[in-house]
Amino acid sequence: MEAPFEASTWDGITGAVYTGYGSAEWLWILVSLALVIAAVVGGWKHEKHAYDAVSKDS
């Protein structure tokens, strides 16, 4: 990743520094989104299976 400033040390750097500055930010956002969607779909399937199992017993 690239830094949004020209410096070889942290001396003199003040304020917030966004570490996501650079090339692969969108890749990690898409990976995170895919993982969230997978977790939601997996949880939904598990809950439906558990609900159906309890409904059959009642």
N, C-alpha and C. Protein backbone atom coordinates (compact mmCIF):
# COMPACT_ATOMS: atom_id res chain seq x y z
N MET A 1 0.85 -1.18 0.00
CA MET A 1 0.00 0.00 0.00
C MET A 1 0.89 1.24 0.00
N GLU A 2 0.37 2.23 -0.58
CA GLU A 2 1.10 3.49 -0.63
C GLU A 2 0.65 4.39 0.50
N ALA A 3 1.52 5.26 0.93
CA ALA A 3 1.18 6.24 1.95
C ALA A 3 0.79 7.55 1.26
N PRO A 4 -0.15 8.29 1.82
CA PRO A 4 -0.59 9.54 1.20
C PRO A 4 0.35 10.71 1.49
N PHE A 5 1.58 10.43 1.90
CA PHE A 5 2.54 11.49 2.19
C PHE A 5 3.94 10.99 1.86
N GLU A 6 4.84 11.93 1.68
CA GLU A 6 6.25 11.60 1.39
C GLU A 6 7.06 11.79 2.66
N ALA A 7 7.46 10.71 3.30
CA ALA A 7 8.28 10.78 4.51
C ALA A 7 8.92 9.42 4.73
N SER A 8 10.10 9.42 5.28
CA SER A 8 10.77 8.15 5.55
C SER A 8 10.63 7.74 7.02
N THR A 9 10.16 8.65 7.88
CA THR A 9 9.93 8.34 9.29
C THR A 9 8.58 8.92 9.70
N TRP A 10 8.14 8.56 10.91
CA TRP A 10 6.88 9.09 11.42
C TRP A 10 7.04 10.45 12.09
N ASP A 11 8.26 10.96 12.17
CA ASP A 11 8.49 12.28 12.75
C ASP A 11 7.79 13.34 11.91
N GLY A 12 6.99 14.15 12.54
CA GLY A 12 6.31 15.23 11.84
C GLY A 12 4.97 14.85 11.24
N ILE A 13 4.61 13.58 11.29
CA ILE A 13 3.30 13.16 10.76
C ILE A 13 2.27 13.36 11.87
N THR A 14 1.26 14.16 11.60
CA THR A 14 0.22 14.43 12.59
C THR A 14 -1.14 14.18 11.96
N GLY A 15 -2.11 14.01 12.80
CA GLY A 15 -3.47 13.80 12.32
C GLY A 15 -3.73 12.35 11.97
N ALA A 16 -4.93 12.10 11.49
CA ALA A 16 -5.34 10.74 11.14
C ALA A 16 -4.69 10.32 9.83
N VAL A 17 -4.27 9.07 9.77
CA VAL A 17 -3.69 8.52 8.55
C VAL A 17 -4.55 7.32 8.17
N TYR A 18 -5.15 7.38 7.00
CA TYR A 18 -6.00 6.30 6.52
C TYR A 18 -5.13 5.22 5.92
N THR A 19 -5.09 4.05 6.55
CA THR A 19 -4.20 2.98 6.09
C THR A 19 -4.75 2.21 4.91
N GLY A 20 -5.99 2.45 4.54
CA GLY A 20 -6.57 1.77 3.39
C GLY A 20 -6.24 2.42 2.07
N TYR A 21 -5.45 3.45 2.10
CA TYR A 21 -5.07 4.18 0.89
C TYR A 21 -4.23 3.27 0.00
N GLY A 22 -4.66 3.04 -1.20
CA GLY A 22 -3.87 2.20 -2.09
C GLY A 22 -4.71 1.39 -3.05
N SER A 23 -4.17 0.26 -3.46
CA SER A 23 -4.70 -0.44 -4.61
C SER A 23 -5.79 -1.47 -4.31
N ALA A 24 -5.72 -2.21 -3.23
CA ALA A 24 -6.57 -3.39 -3.06
C ALA A 24 -7.77 -3.15 -2.14
N GLU A 25 -8.13 -1.93 -1.90
CA GLU A 25 -9.23 -1.65 -0.98
C GLU A 25 -10.54 -2.29 -1.44
N TRP A 26 -10.89 -2.15 -2.71
CA TRP A 26 -12.15 -2.71 -3.20
C TRP A 26 -12.16 -4.23 -3.14
N LEU A 27 -11.01 -4.86 -3.33
CA LEU A 27 -10.93 -6.32 -3.22
C LEU A 27 -11.34 -6.77 -1.82
N TRP A 28 -10.83 -6.13 -0.79
CA TRP A 28 -11.14 -6.52 0.58
C TRP A 28 -12.57 -6.18 0.96
N ILE A 29 -13.10 -5.12 0.40
CA ILE A 29 -14.52 -4.79 0.64
C ILE A 29 -15.40 -5.89 0.03
N LEU A 30 -15.08 -6.33 -1.18
CA LEU A 30 -15.87 -7.38 -1.82
C LEU A 30 -15.72 -8.71 -1.11
N VAL A 31 -14.52 -9.03 -0.63
CA VAL A 31 -14.31 -10.26 0.13
C VAL A 31 -15.14 -10.22 1.42
N SER A 32 -15.12 -9.09 2.10
CA SER A 32 -15.90 -8.94 3.33
C SER A 32 -17.40 -9.06 3.04
N LEU A 33 -17.86 -8.46 1.98
CA LEU A 33 -19.27 -8.54 1.60
C LEU A 33 -19.66 -9.99 1.29
N ALA A 34 -18.81 -10.71 0.57
CA ALA A 34 -19.09 -12.11 0.26
C ALA A 34 -19.17 -12.95 1.53
N LEU A 35 -18.29 -12.70 2.48
CA LEU A 35 -18.32 -13.44 3.74
C LEU A 35 -19.58 -13.14 4.55
N VAL A 36 -20.02 -11.90 4.55
CA VAL A 36 -21.24 -11.53 5.25
C VAL A 36 -22.45 -12.21 4.61
N ILE A 37 -22.51 -12.20 3.29
CA ILE A 37 -23.62 -12.85 2.59
C ILE A 37 -23.60 -14.36 2.85
N ALA A 38 -22.42 -14.97 2.83
CA ALA A 38 -22.32 -16.41 3.11
C ALA A 38 -22.79 -16.71 4.53
N ALA A 39 -22.44 -15.87 5.50
CA ALA A 39 -22.87 -16.08 6.88
C ALA A 39 -24.38 -15.94 7.02
N VAL A 40 -24.97 -14.97 6.35
CA VAL A 40 -26.42 -14.78 6.42
C VAL A 40 -27.15 -15.96 5.78
N VAL A 41 -26.70 -16.39 4.61
CA VAL A 41 -27.35 -17.52 3.93
C VAL A 41 -27.17 -18.79 4.74
N GLY A 42 -25.97 -19.03 5.26
CA GLY A 42 -25.73 -20.21 6.09
C GLY A 42 -26.57 -20.20 7.35
N GLY A 43 -26.70 -19.07 8.01
CA GLY A 43 -27.54 -18.96 9.19
C GLY A 43 -29.00 -19.16 8.88
N TRP A 44 -29.44 -18.63 7.76
CA TRP A 44 -30.83 -18.79 7.35
C TRP A 44 -31.15 -20.26 7.09
N LYS A 45 -30.24 -20.98 6.39
CA LYS A 45 -30.46 -22.40 6.13
C LYS A 45 -30.49 -23.20 7.43
N HIS A 46 -29.58 -22.89 8.34
CA HIS A 46 -29.53 -23.60 9.61
C HIS A 46 -30.81 -23.37 10.41
N GLU A 47 -31.25 -22.14 10.48
CA GLU A 47 -32.47 -21.83 11.24
C GLU A 47 -33.69 -22.48 10.61
N LYS A 48 -33.78 -22.51 9.29
CA LYS A 48 -34.91 -23.18 8.63
C LYS A 48 -34.88 -24.67 8.94
N HIS A 49 -33.71 -25.29 8.88
CA HIS A 49 -33.59 -26.71 9.21
C HIS A 49 -34.00 -26.97 10.66
N ALA A 50 -33.55 -26.14 11.58
CA ALA A 50 -33.89 -26.30 13.00
C ALA A 50 -35.38 -26.07 13.22
N TYR A 51 -35.97 -25.09 12.56
CA TYR A 51 -37.40 -24.82 12.71
C TYR A 51 -38.22 -25.99 12.18
N ASP A 52 -37.82 -26.52 11.01
CA ASP A 52 -38.54 -27.65 10.44
C ASP A 52 -38.45 -28.87 11.34
N ALA A 53 -37.31 -29.10 11.96
CA ALA A 53 -37.14 -30.24 12.85
C ALA A 53 -38.04 -30.13 14.07
N VAL A 54 -38.17 -28.94 14.62
CA VAL A 54 -39.03 -28.74 15.80
C VAL A 54 -40.50 -28.82 15.39
N SER A 55 -40.85 -28.31 14.23
CA SER A 55 -42.24 -28.33 13.76
C SER A 55 -42.74 -29.76 13.56
N LYS A 56 -41.87 -30.64 13.08
CA LYS A 56 -42.27 -32.04 12.87
C LYS A 56 -42.56 -32.74 14.19
N ASP A 57 -41.82 -32.36 15.25
CA ASP A 57 -41.99 -33.00 16.55
C ASP A 57 -43.28 -32.56 17.24
N SER A 58 -43.74 -31.38 16.95
CA SER A 58 -44.92 -30.83 17.66
C SER A 58 -46.21 -31.41 17.18
